[in-house]
Amino acid sequence: MNPDRVSNFLEKDIFLKLKQYVESESNALSKSEYRIKNGRYDKPIFFEENLSYEIEKALTKELKSNYKVIFSQLIKYQIVDNVIPSLKIKKDKLPCDKTISLVISKNINGWALCVDHYIYDDEENSAIIFNSRTNYRHRPKYPSDNPEDYLLILLIHVAEENSWINKIPEKIMNLTSGIYLE
């Protein structure tokens, strides 16, 4: 599957509700959730059922198939203690069929996400949909030295409704999801 970029992925009122929730979670991040390897905060995030439903609905509309949210990560790229954010060329070993990189907010420009040979600029409420197990991705050199600059995204990992992944009991999935995170 080629990656796909969708502007205005969620309806405006749904996105604003999600943004408010994610930003409040982001404000509560601790140093223990900062990953020096990538220069980013990284933690699992859980949504109210209606927000998961809206994400699934938007994804189903785009891909013409039913998907379920498996787990999600709050990612905030930001300079902390002189560690510069980076995303080196990588693929994942995640238990999911697709990953959605959804931009929540940012105050930095010029730090596009490259998936295979496609380049995507970050805009609020834009989603890049790709297969994190088969599509390589990276970002160029971080374009700032200001510790106040940041990029806040959600990585939402989903599986088709009839996928084997959805047969894993939710409690086991919640316990093991952190194993796949870098």
N, C-alpha and C. Protein backbone atom coordinates (compact mmCIF):
# COMPACT_ATOMS: atom_id res chain seq x y z
N MET A 1 0.84 -1.18 0.00
CA MET A 1 0.00 0.00 0.00
C MET A 1 0.88 1.25 0.00
N ASN A 2 0.58 2.17 -0.90
CA ASN A 2 1.24 3.46 -0.86
C ASN A 2 0.66 4.27 0.28
N PRO A 3 1.49 5.07 0.93
CA PRO A 3 0.95 5.93 1.99
C PRO A 3 -0.03 6.93 1.40
N ASP A 4 -0.90 7.43 2.24
CA ASP A 4 -1.93 8.37 1.80
C ASP A 4 -2.00 9.51 2.80
N ARG A 5 -2.14 10.74 2.31
CA ARG A 5 -2.29 11.91 3.19
C ARG A 5 -3.70 12.43 3.06
N VAL A 6 -4.33 12.67 4.20
CA VAL A 6 -5.70 13.15 4.23
C VAL A 6 -5.73 14.45 5.04
N SER A 7 -6.09 15.55 4.38
CA SER A 7 -6.29 16.82 5.09
C SER A 7 -7.65 16.78 5.77
N ASN A 8 -7.77 17.48 6.88
CA ASN A 8 -9.04 17.50 7.63
C ASN A 8 -9.58 16.09 7.84
N PHE A 9 -8.73 15.26 8.42
CA PHE A 9 -9.05 13.85 8.64
C PHE A 9 -10.32 13.68 9.48
N LEU A 10 -10.42 14.48 10.55
CA LEU A 10 -11.60 14.41 11.42
C LEU A 10 -12.44 15.67 11.21
N GLU A 11 -13.74 15.55 11.46
CA GLU A 11 -14.59 16.73 11.42
C GLU A 11 -14.07 17.73 12.44
N LYS A 12 -14.24 19.01 12.15
CA LYS A 12 -13.62 20.07 12.95
C LYS A 12 -13.95 19.97 14.44
N ASP A 13 -15.21 19.77 14.79
CA ASP A 13 -15.58 19.71 16.21
C ASP A 13 -14.98 18.48 16.90
N ILE A 14 -14.91 17.37 16.20
CA ILE A 14 -14.30 16.15 16.76
C ILE A 14 -12.80 16.38 16.95
N PHE A 15 -12.15 16.98 15.93
CA PHE A 15 -10.72 17.24 16.04
C PHE A 15 -10.41 18.16 17.21
N LEU A 16 -11.20 19.21 17.38
CA LEU A 16 -10.96 20.15 18.48
C LEU A 16 -11.10 19.47 19.84
N LYS A 17 -12.05 18.57 19.96
CA LYS A 17 -12.22 17.80 21.22
C LYS A 17 -11.00 16.90 21.45
N LEU A 18 -10.56 16.22 20.39
CA LEU A 18 -9.39 15.36 20.49
C LEU A 18 -8.14 16.18 20.81
N LYS A 19 -7.98 17.32 20.13
CA LYS A 19 -6.83 18.19 20.36
C LYS A 19 -6.77 18.66 21.82
N GLN A 20 -7.90 19.06 22.36
CA GLN A 20 -7.94 19.52 23.75
C GLN A 20 -7.49 18.40 24.69
N TYR A 21 -7.99 17.20 24.46
CA TYR A 21 -7.63 16.05 25.30
C TYR A 21 -6.14 15.73 25.18
N VAL A 22 -5.63 15.66 23.94
CA VAL A 22 -4.23 15.29 23.72
C VAL A 22 -3.29 16.37 24.29
N GLU A 23 -3.63 17.63 24.09
CA GLU A 23 -2.77 18.69 24.63
C GLU A 23 -2.75 18.67 26.16
N SER A 24 -3.87 18.33 26.79
CA SER A 24 -3.87 18.23 28.26
C SER A 24 -2.98 17.06 28.70
N GLU A 25 -3.03 15.96 27.98
CA GLU A 25 -2.14 14.83 28.28
C GLU A 25 -0.68 15.21 28.04
N SER A 26 -0.44 15.97 26.98
CA SER A 26 0.91 16.41 26.65
C SER A 26 1.48 17.31 27.74
N ASN A 27 0.66 18.16 28.31
CA ASN A 27 1.12 19.06 29.37
C ASN A 27 1.52 18.32 30.63
N ALA A 28 1.07 17.08 30.76
CA ALA A 28 1.38 16.28 31.95
C ALA A 28 2.53 15.29 31.72
N LEU A 29 3.22 15.40 30.58
CA LEU A 29 4.33 14.48 30.30
C LEU A 29 5.45 14.69 31.31
N SER A 30 6.11 13.59 31.65
CA SER A 30 7.23 13.66 32.59
C SER A 30 8.53 13.29 31.88
N LYS A 31 9.64 13.62 32.52
CA LYS A 31 10.96 13.31 31.95
C LYS A 31 11.12 11.82 31.68
N SER A 32 10.47 10.99 32.49
CA SER A 32 10.62 9.54 32.30
C SER A 32 9.99 9.08 30.99
N GLU A 33 9.16 9.90 30.39
CA GLU A 33 8.52 9.54 29.11
C GLU A 33 9.28 10.13 27.91
N TYR A 34 10.44 10.74 28.17
CA TYR A 34 11.25 11.31 27.10
C TYR A 34 12.24 10.26 26.62
N ARG A 35 12.26 10.03 25.32
CA ARG A 35 13.13 9.02 24.71
C ARG A 35 14.32 9.73 24.08
N ILE A 36 15.47 9.63 24.71
CA ILE A 36 16.67 10.31 24.24
C ILE A 36 17.04 9.84 22.84
N LYS A 37 16.84 8.57 22.55
CA LYS A 37 17.21 8.02 21.24
C LYS A 37 16.57 8.80 20.10
N ASN A 38 15.32 9.24 20.27
CA ASN A 38 14.60 9.94 19.20
C ASN A 38 14.34 11.41 19.51
N GLY A 39 14.69 11.85 20.70
CA GLY A 39 14.43 13.23 21.08
C GLY A 39 12.95 13.53 21.11
N ARG A 40 12.21 12.65 21.78
CA ARG A 40 10.75 12.85 21.82
C ARG A 40 10.15 12.23 23.08
N TYR A 41 9.03 12.79 23.47
CA TYR A 41 8.19 12.16 24.49
C TYR A 41 7.37 11.10 23.77
N ASP A 42 7.11 10.01 24.46
CA ASP A 42 6.41 8.89 23.82
C ASP A 42 5.68 8.13 24.92
N LYS A 43 4.35 8.11 24.84
CA LYS A 43 3.60 7.35 25.85
C LYS A 43 2.30 6.85 25.24
N PRO A 44 1.82 5.72 25.73
CA PRO A 44 0.51 5.25 25.28
C PRO A 44 -0.58 6.24 25.69
N ILE A 45 -1.59 6.34 24.88
CA ILE A 45 -2.71 7.23 25.20
C ILE A 45 -4.00 6.48 24.89
N PHE A 46 -4.99 6.66 25.74
CA PHE A 46 -6.26 5.97 25.58
C PHE A 46 -7.37 7.01 25.42
N PHE A 47 -8.29 6.75 24.51
CA PHE A 47 -9.38 7.68 24.21
C PHE A 47 -10.68 7.20 24.80
N GLU A 48 -11.60 8.15 24.97
CA GLU A 48 -12.98 7.78 25.26
C GLU A 48 -13.48 6.99 24.05
N GLU A 49 -14.44 6.12 24.29
CA GLU A 49 -14.94 5.26 23.23
C GLU A 49 -15.45 6.05 22.03
N ASN A 50 -16.11 7.19 22.27
CA ASN A 50 -16.66 7.95 21.15
C ASN A 50 -15.55 8.54 20.27
N LEU A 51 -14.39 8.90 20.84
CA LEU A 51 -13.28 9.40 20.02
C LEU A 51 -12.68 8.28 19.18
N SER A 52 -12.53 7.10 19.75
CA SER A 52 -12.06 5.95 18.97
C SER A 52 -13.01 5.67 17.82
N TYR A 53 -14.30 5.74 18.11
CA TYR A 53 -15.31 5.51 17.07
C TYR A 53 -15.16 6.52 15.94
N GLU A 54 -14.96 7.79 16.25
CA GLU A 54 -14.83 8.83 15.22
C GLU A 54 -13.57 8.62 14.37
N ILE A 55 -12.48 8.19 15.00
CA ILE A 55 -11.25 7.89 14.26
C ILE A 55 -11.49 6.70 13.34
N GLU A 56 -12.11 5.66 13.85
CA GLU A 56 -12.41 4.47 13.05
C GLU A 56 -13.33 4.83 11.88
N LYS A 57 -14.31 5.67 12.13
CA LYS A 57 -15.25 6.10 11.09
C LYS A 57 -14.52 6.85 9.98
N ALA A 58 -13.64 7.78 10.36
CA ALA A 58 -12.88 8.55 9.36
C ALA A 58 -11.96 7.64 8.55
N LEU A 59 -11.32 6.70 9.21
CA LEU A 59 -10.42 5.79 8.51
C LEU A 59 -11.19 4.87 7.56
N THR A 60 -12.33 4.37 8.02
CA THR A 60 -13.17 3.51 7.18
C THR A 60 -13.61 4.27 5.93
N LYS A 61 -13.95 5.54 6.11
CA LYS A 61 -14.36 6.37 4.97
C LYS A 61 -13.23 6.47 3.95
N GLU A 62 -12.00 6.65 4.43
CA GLU A 62 -10.85 6.80 3.53
C GLU A 62 -10.45 5.49 2.85
N LEU A 63 -10.45 4.40 3.60
CA LEU A 63 -9.91 3.14 3.08
C LEU A 63 -10.98 2.15 2.62
N LYS A 64 -12.24 2.51 2.79
CA LYS A 64 -13.36 1.66 2.31
C LYS A 64 -13.35 0.27 2.93
N SER A 65 -12.92 0.20 4.19
CA SER A 65 -12.92 -1.06 4.93
C SER A 65 -13.02 -0.70 6.41
N ASN A 66 -13.56 -1.62 7.22
CA ASN A 66 -13.75 -1.34 8.65
C ASN A 66 -12.46 -1.61 9.43
N TYR A 67 -12.06 -0.62 10.22
CA TYR A 67 -10.86 -0.71 11.05
C TYR A 67 -11.21 -0.42 12.49
N LYS A 68 -10.41 -1.01 13.40
CA LYS A 68 -10.55 -0.78 14.84
C LYS A 68 -9.22 -0.27 15.39
N VAL A 69 -9.30 0.69 16.32
CA VAL A 69 -8.10 1.19 16.98
C VAL A 69 -7.57 0.10 17.91
N ILE A 70 -6.29 -0.23 17.76
CA ILE A 70 -5.65 -1.22 18.63
C ILE A 70 -4.98 -0.52 19.81
N PHE A 71 -4.11 0.43 19.52
CA PHE A 71 -3.50 1.26 20.56
C PHE A 71 -2.96 2.52 19.91
N SER A 72 -2.70 3.52 20.74
CA SER A 72 -2.24 4.81 20.24
C SER A 72 -1.09 5.33 21.09
N GLN A 73 -0.24 6.13 20.46
CA GLN A 73 0.88 6.75 21.15
C GLN A 73 0.78 8.27 21.01
N LEU A 74 1.01 8.96 22.10
CA LEU A 74 1.18 10.40 22.07
C LEU A 74 2.67 10.63 21.86
N ILE A 75 3.01 11.37 20.81
CA ILE A 75 4.41 11.66 20.48
C ILE A 75 4.59 13.17 20.45
N LYS A 76 5.56 13.64 21.20
CA LYS A 76 5.88 15.07 21.17
C LYS A 76 7.38 15.22 20.94
N TYR A 77 7.72 15.65 19.72
CA TYR A 77 9.11 15.93 19.39
C TYR A 77 9.46 17.31 19.91
N GLN A 78 10.52 17.38 20.71
CA GLN A 78 10.94 18.65 21.30
C GLN A 78 12.36 18.50 21.84
N ILE A 79 13.12 19.57 21.77
CA ILE A 79 14.47 19.56 22.35
C ILE A 79 14.35 19.60 23.87
N VAL A 80 15.00 18.64 24.52
CA VAL A 80 15.06 18.60 25.99
C VAL A 80 16.50 18.28 26.36
N ASP A 81 17.06 19.07 27.26
CA ASP A 81 18.46 18.87 27.70
C ASP A 81 19.42 18.74 26.51
N ASN A 82 19.23 19.58 25.52
CA ASN A 82 20.08 19.64 24.32
C ASN A 82 20.00 18.40 23.43
N VAL A 83 19.03 17.53 23.64
CA VAL A 83 18.83 16.37 22.77
C VAL A 83 17.95 16.83 21.60
N ILE A 84 18.47 16.66 20.39
CA ILE A 84 17.77 17.11 19.18
C ILE A 84 16.86 15.99 18.68
N PRO A 85 15.58 16.30 18.43
CA PRO A 85 14.66 15.29 17.88
C PRO A 85 15.14 14.75 16.53
N SER A 86 14.86 13.48 16.32
CA SER A 86 15.20 12.85 15.04
C SER A 86 14.30 11.64 14.81
N LEU A 87 14.14 11.32 13.56
CA LEU A 87 13.48 10.08 13.19
C LEU A 87 14.29 9.50 12.05
N LYS A 88 15.11 8.52 12.39
CA LYS A 88 15.97 7.87 11.39
C LYS A 88 15.12 6.88 10.57
N ILE A 89 15.63 6.48 9.43
CA ILE A 89 14.91 5.55 8.56
C ILE A 89 14.57 4.29 9.34
N LYS A 90 13.28 3.93 9.33
CA LYS A 90 12.86 2.78 10.12
C LYS A 90 11.57 2.17 9.61
N LYS A 91 11.34 0.94 10.03
CA LYS A 91 10.05 0.24 9.94
C LYS A 91 9.80 -0.29 11.35
N ASP A 92 8.57 -0.70 11.63
CA ASP A 92 8.22 -1.22 12.95
C ASP A 92 7.83 -2.69 12.88
N LYS A 93 7.69 -3.27 14.07
CA LYS A 93 7.20 -4.65 14.21
C LYS A 93 5.91 -4.62 15.00
N LEU A 94 5.05 -3.69 14.67
CA LEU A 94 3.82 -3.49 15.45
C LEU A 94 2.73 -4.47 15.06
N PRO A 95 1.90 -4.85 16.03
CA PRO A 95 0.75 -5.70 15.72
C PRO A 95 -0.41 -4.86 15.21
N CYS A 96 -0.29 -4.38 13.96
CA CYS A 96 -1.37 -3.58 13.38
C CYS A 96 -1.31 -3.70 11.86
N ASP A 97 -2.41 -3.32 11.22
CA ASP A 97 -2.45 -3.33 9.76
C ASP A 97 -2.06 -1.98 9.16
N LYS A 98 -2.41 -0.90 9.84
CA LYS A 98 -2.11 0.45 9.38
C LYS A 98 -1.75 1.32 10.57
N THR A 99 -1.00 2.38 10.29
CA THR A 99 -0.70 3.39 11.29
C THR A 99 -1.12 4.74 10.73
N ILE A 100 -1.71 5.54 11.58
CA ILE A 100 -2.11 6.89 11.21
C ILE A 100 -1.23 7.85 12.00
N SER A 101 -0.52 8.70 11.30
CA SER A 101 0.23 9.78 11.94
C SER A 101 -0.65 11.01 11.83
N LEU A 102 -1.27 11.41 12.94
CA LEU A 102 -2.23 12.52 12.96
C LEU A 102 -1.59 13.71 13.68
N VAL A 103 -1.45 14.83 12.97
CA VAL A 103 -0.85 16.02 13.55
C VAL A 103 -1.88 16.72 14.42
N ILE A 104 -1.53 16.92 15.70
CA ILE A 104 -2.41 17.59 16.66
C ILE A 104 -2.09 19.08 16.73
N SER A 105 -0.82 19.41 16.94
CA SER A 105 -0.41 20.82 16.95
C SER A 105 1.10 20.89 16.75
N LYS A 106 1.56 22.09 16.42
CA LYS A 106 2.99 22.30 16.20
C LYS A 106 3.27 23.79 16.17
N ASN A 107 4.51 24.13 16.39
CA ASN A 107 4.94 25.51 16.18
C ASN A 107 6.25 25.53 15.41
N ILE A 108 6.49 24.48 14.65
CA ILE A 108 7.71 24.34 13.85
C ILE A 108 7.30 24.01 12.42
N ASN A 109 8.03 24.54 11.47
CA ASN A 109 7.77 24.25 10.06
C ASN A 109 9.00 23.63 9.43
N GLY A 110 8.79 22.97 8.31
CA GLY A 110 9.92 22.43 7.55
C GLY A 110 10.46 21.12 8.06
N TRP A 111 9.62 20.35 8.76
CA TRP A 111 10.08 19.05 9.25
C TRP A 111 9.12 17.97 8.77
N ALA A 112 9.13 17.74 7.49
CA ALA A 112 8.19 16.83 6.83
C ALA A 112 8.45 15.38 7.22
N LEU A 113 7.40 14.57 7.11
CA LEU A 113 7.53 13.13 7.28
C LEU A 113 7.71 12.52 5.90
N CYS A 114 8.75 11.72 5.74
CA CYS A 114 9.02 11.02 4.49
C CYS A 114 8.64 9.56 4.69
N VAL A 115 7.73 9.07 3.85
CA VAL A 115 7.32 7.67 3.90
C VAL A 115 7.63 7.08 2.53
N ASP A 116 8.54 6.09 2.53
CA ASP A 116 9.11 5.58 1.28
C ASP A 116 9.64 6.77 0.49
N HIS A 117 9.18 7.01 -0.70
CA HIS A 117 9.70 8.16 -1.46
C HIS A 117 8.70 9.32 -1.53
N TYR A 118 7.71 9.31 -0.65
CA TYR A 118 6.73 10.39 -0.58
C TYR A 118 7.09 11.34 0.57
N ILE A 119 6.86 12.63 0.37
CA ILE A 119 7.16 13.63 1.40
C ILE A 119 5.88 14.35 1.77
N TYR A 120 5.60 14.41 3.09
CA TYR A 120 4.35 14.99 3.59
C TYR A 120 4.64 16.08 4.60
N ASP A 121 4.18 17.30 4.30
CA ASP A 121 4.27 18.38 5.27
C ASP A 121 3.25 18.15 6.37
N ASP A 122 3.57 18.62 7.57
CA ASP A 122 2.68 18.46 8.71
C ASP A 122 1.73 19.65 8.81
N GLU A 123 0.44 19.38 8.90
CA GLU A 123 -0.58 20.39 9.15
C GLU A 123 -1.54 19.83 10.18
N GLU A 124 -2.08 20.70 11.02
CA GLU A 124 -3.05 20.24 12.01
C GLU A 124 -4.18 19.47 11.33
N ASN A 125 -4.58 18.39 11.96
CA ASN A 125 -5.67 17.54 11.50
C ASN A 125 -5.38 16.88 10.16
N SER A 126 -4.11 16.80 9.78
CA SER A 126 -3.76 16.01 8.59
C SER A 126 -3.28 14.65 9.07
N ALA A 127 -3.68 13.64 8.33
CA ALA A 127 -3.32 12.27 8.68
C ALA A 127 -2.53 11.64 7.55
N ILE A 128 -1.47 10.97 7.90
CA ILE A 128 -0.72 10.17 6.94
C ILE A 128 -0.98 8.73 7.33
N ILE A 129 -1.53 7.99 6.39
CA ILE A 129 -1.92 6.59 6.64
C ILE A 129 -0.93 5.70 5.90
N PHE A 130 -0.30 4.80 6.64
CA PHE A 130 0.71 3.93 6.04
C PHE A 130 0.78 2.62 6.81
N ASN A 131 1.53 1.67 6.28
CA ASN A 131 1.76 0.41 6.96
C ASN A 131 3.14 0.49 7.60
N SER A 132 3.18 0.59 8.92
CA SER A 132 4.45 0.81 9.62
C SER A 132 5.37 -0.41 9.58
N ARG A 133 4.83 -1.57 9.17
CA ARG A 133 5.68 -2.76 9.06
C ARG A 133 6.35 -2.87 7.70
N THR A 134 5.76 -2.23 6.67
CA THR A 134 6.31 -2.36 5.32
C THR A 134 6.81 -1.04 4.73
N ASN A 135 6.30 0.09 5.19
CA ASN A 135 6.73 1.38 4.67
C ASN A 135 7.86 1.95 5.52
N TYR A 136 8.98 2.29 4.88
CA TYR A 136 10.06 2.99 5.58
C TYR A 136 9.65 4.44 5.78
N ARG A 137 10.09 5.02 6.91
CA ARG A 137 9.81 6.43 7.13
C ARG A 137 10.96 7.07 7.90
N HIS A 138 11.05 8.38 7.73
CA HIS A 138 12.07 9.17 8.44
C HIS A 138 11.70 10.65 8.32
N ARG A 139 12.43 11.46 9.03
CA ARG A 139 12.32 12.91 8.93
C ARG A 139 13.71 13.47 8.67
N PRO A 140 13.78 14.61 7.96
CA PRO A 140 15.09 15.23 7.74
C PRO A 140 15.63 15.82 9.05
N LYS A 141 16.75 16.49 8.96
CA LYS A 141 17.36 17.12 10.13
C LYS A 141 16.37 18.09 10.77
N TYR A 142 16.29 18.06 12.08
CA TYR A 142 15.40 18.94 12.84
C TYR A 142 15.77 20.39 12.53
N PRO A 143 14.80 21.21 12.10
CA PRO A 143 15.12 22.55 11.59
C PRO A 143 15.19 23.66 12.63
N SER A 144 15.37 23.33 13.90
CA SER A 144 15.35 24.36 14.92
C SER A 144 16.33 24.02 16.04
N ASP A 145 16.77 25.05 16.74
CA ASP A 145 17.55 24.82 17.96
C ASP A 145 16.85 25.45 19.16
N ASN A 146 15.58 25.80 18.98
CA ASN A 146 14.78 26.42 20.03
C ASN A 146 14.05 25.35 20.85
N PRO A 147 14.32 25.22 22.15
CA PRO A 147 13.66 24.20 22.98
C PRO A 147 12.14 24.40 23.12
N GLU A 148 11.64 25.55 22.73
CA GLU A 148 10.19 25.80 22.79
C GLU A 148 9.47 25.23 21.57
N ASP A 149 10.19 24.95 20.48
CA ASP A 149 9.57 24.41 19.27
C ASP A 149 9.20 22.94 19.49
N TYR A 150 8.10 22.54 18.90
CA TYR A 150 7.63 21.16 19.08
C TYR A 150 6.73 20.72 17.92
N LEU A 151 6.55 19.43 17.84
CA LEU A 151 5.56 18.80 16.95
C LEU A 151 4.84 17.76 17.79
N LEU A 152 3.52 17.89 17.91
CA LEU A 152 2.71 16.96 18.71
C LEU A 152 1.84 16.15 17.75
N ILE A 153 2.03 14.84 17.77
CA ILE A 153 1.26 13.95 16.89
C ILE A 153 0.70 12.78 17.70
N LEU A 154 -0.28 12.13 17.10
CA LEU A 154 -0.75 10.84 17.58
C LEU A 154 -0.34 9.81 16.54
N LEU A 155 0.20 8.71 17.00
CA LEU A 155 0.36 7.54 16.14
C LEU A 155 -0.74 6.59 16.56
N ILE A 156 -1.68 6.37 15.66
CA ILE A 156 -2.84 5.54 15.95
C ILE A 156 -2.69 4.25 15.15
N HIS A 157 -2.59 3.15 15.85
CA HIS A 157 -2.36 1.85 15.22
C HIS A 157 -3.69 1.12 15.14
N VAL A 158 -4.05 0.69 13.93
CA VAL A 158 -5.36 0.10 13.70
C VAL A 158 -5.23 -1.23 12.97
N ALA A 159 -6.29 -2.02 13.06
CA ALA A 159 -6.34 -3.29 12.35
C ALA A 159 -7.72 -3.45 11.73
N GLU A 160 -7.76 -4.15 10.62
CA GLU A 160 -9.06 -4.43 10.00
C GLU A 160 -9.92 -5.19 10.99
N GLU A 161 -11.20 -4.96 10.90
CA GLU A 161 -12.15 -5.53 11.86
C GLU A 161 -12.02 -7.04 11.99
N ASN A 162 -11.76 -7.74 10.89
CA ASN A 162 -11.68 -9.21 10.93
C ASN A 162 -10.25 -9.72 11.08
N SER A 163 -9.30 -8.83 11.40
CA SER A 163 -7.90 -9.21 11.53
C SER A 163 -7.67 -10.07 12.78
N TRP A 164 -6.66 -10.93 12.72
CA TRP A 164 -6.28 -11.75 13.87
C TRP A 164 -5.94 -10.88 15.07
N ILE A 165 -5.47 -9.67 14.81
CA ILE A 165 -5.06 -8.77 15.89
C ILE A 165 -6.25 -8.44 16.80
N ASN A 166 -7.42 -8.31 16.21
CA ASN A 166 -8.61 -7.98 17.00
C ASN A 166 -9.10 -9.15 17.83
N LYS A 167 -8.54 -10.31 17.63
CA LYS A 167 -8.92 -11.48 18.42
C LYS A 167 -8.13 -11.58 19.73
N ILE A 168 -7.06 -10.77 19.84
CA ILE A 168 -6.27 -10.75 21.07
C ILE A 168 -7.09 -10.02 22.13
N PRO A 169 -7.28 -10.63 23.28
CA PRO A 169 -8.05 -9.94 24.33
C PRO A 169 -7.44 -8.57 24.65
N GLU A 170 -8.30 -7.60 24.91
CA GLU A 170 -7.87 -6.22 25.12
C GLU A 170 -6.85 -6.09 26.25
N LYS A 171 -7.05 -6.81 27.33
CA LYS A 171 -6.11 -6.70 28.46
C LYS A 171 -4.71 -7.14 28.06
N ILE A 172 -4.61 -8.22 27.31
CA ILE A 172 -3.30 -8.69 26.87
C ILE A 172 -2.69 -7.65 25.93
N MET A 173 -3.49 -7.10 25.04
CA MET A 173 -3.00 -6.08 24.10
C MET A 173 -2.46 -4.88 24.85
N ASN A 174 -3.18 -4.42 25.86
CA ASN A 174 -2.72 -3.26 26.64
C ASN A 174 -1.42 -3.57 27.37
N LEU A 175 -1.28 -4.77 27.86
CA LEU A 175 -0.05 -5.15 28.57
C LEU A 175 1.13 -5.27 27.64
N THR A 176 0.91 -5.74 26.42
CA THR A 176 2.02 -6.00 25.51
C THR A 176 2.30 -4.87 24.54
N SER A 177 1.42 -3.89 24.43
CA SER A 177 1.63 -2.85 23.42
C SER A 177 2.94 -2.10 23.63
N GLY A 178 3.36 -1.90 24.86
CA GLY A 178 4.61 -1.21 25.14
C GLY A 178 5.84 -1.96 24.66
N ILE A 179 5.74 -3.24 24.43
CA ILE A 179 6.87 -4.03 23.95
C ILE A 179 7.31 -3.56 22.58
N TYR A 180 6.38 -3.07 21.78
CA TYR A 180 6.67 -2.70 20.41
C TYR A 180 7.11 -1.25 20.25
N LEU A 181 7.05 -0.49 21.32
CA LEU A 181 7.39 0.92 21.24
C LEU A 181 8.89 1.10 21.38
N GLU A 182 9.44 2.07 20.66
CA GLU A 182 10.87 2.34 20.79
C GLU A 182 11.10 3.40 21.83
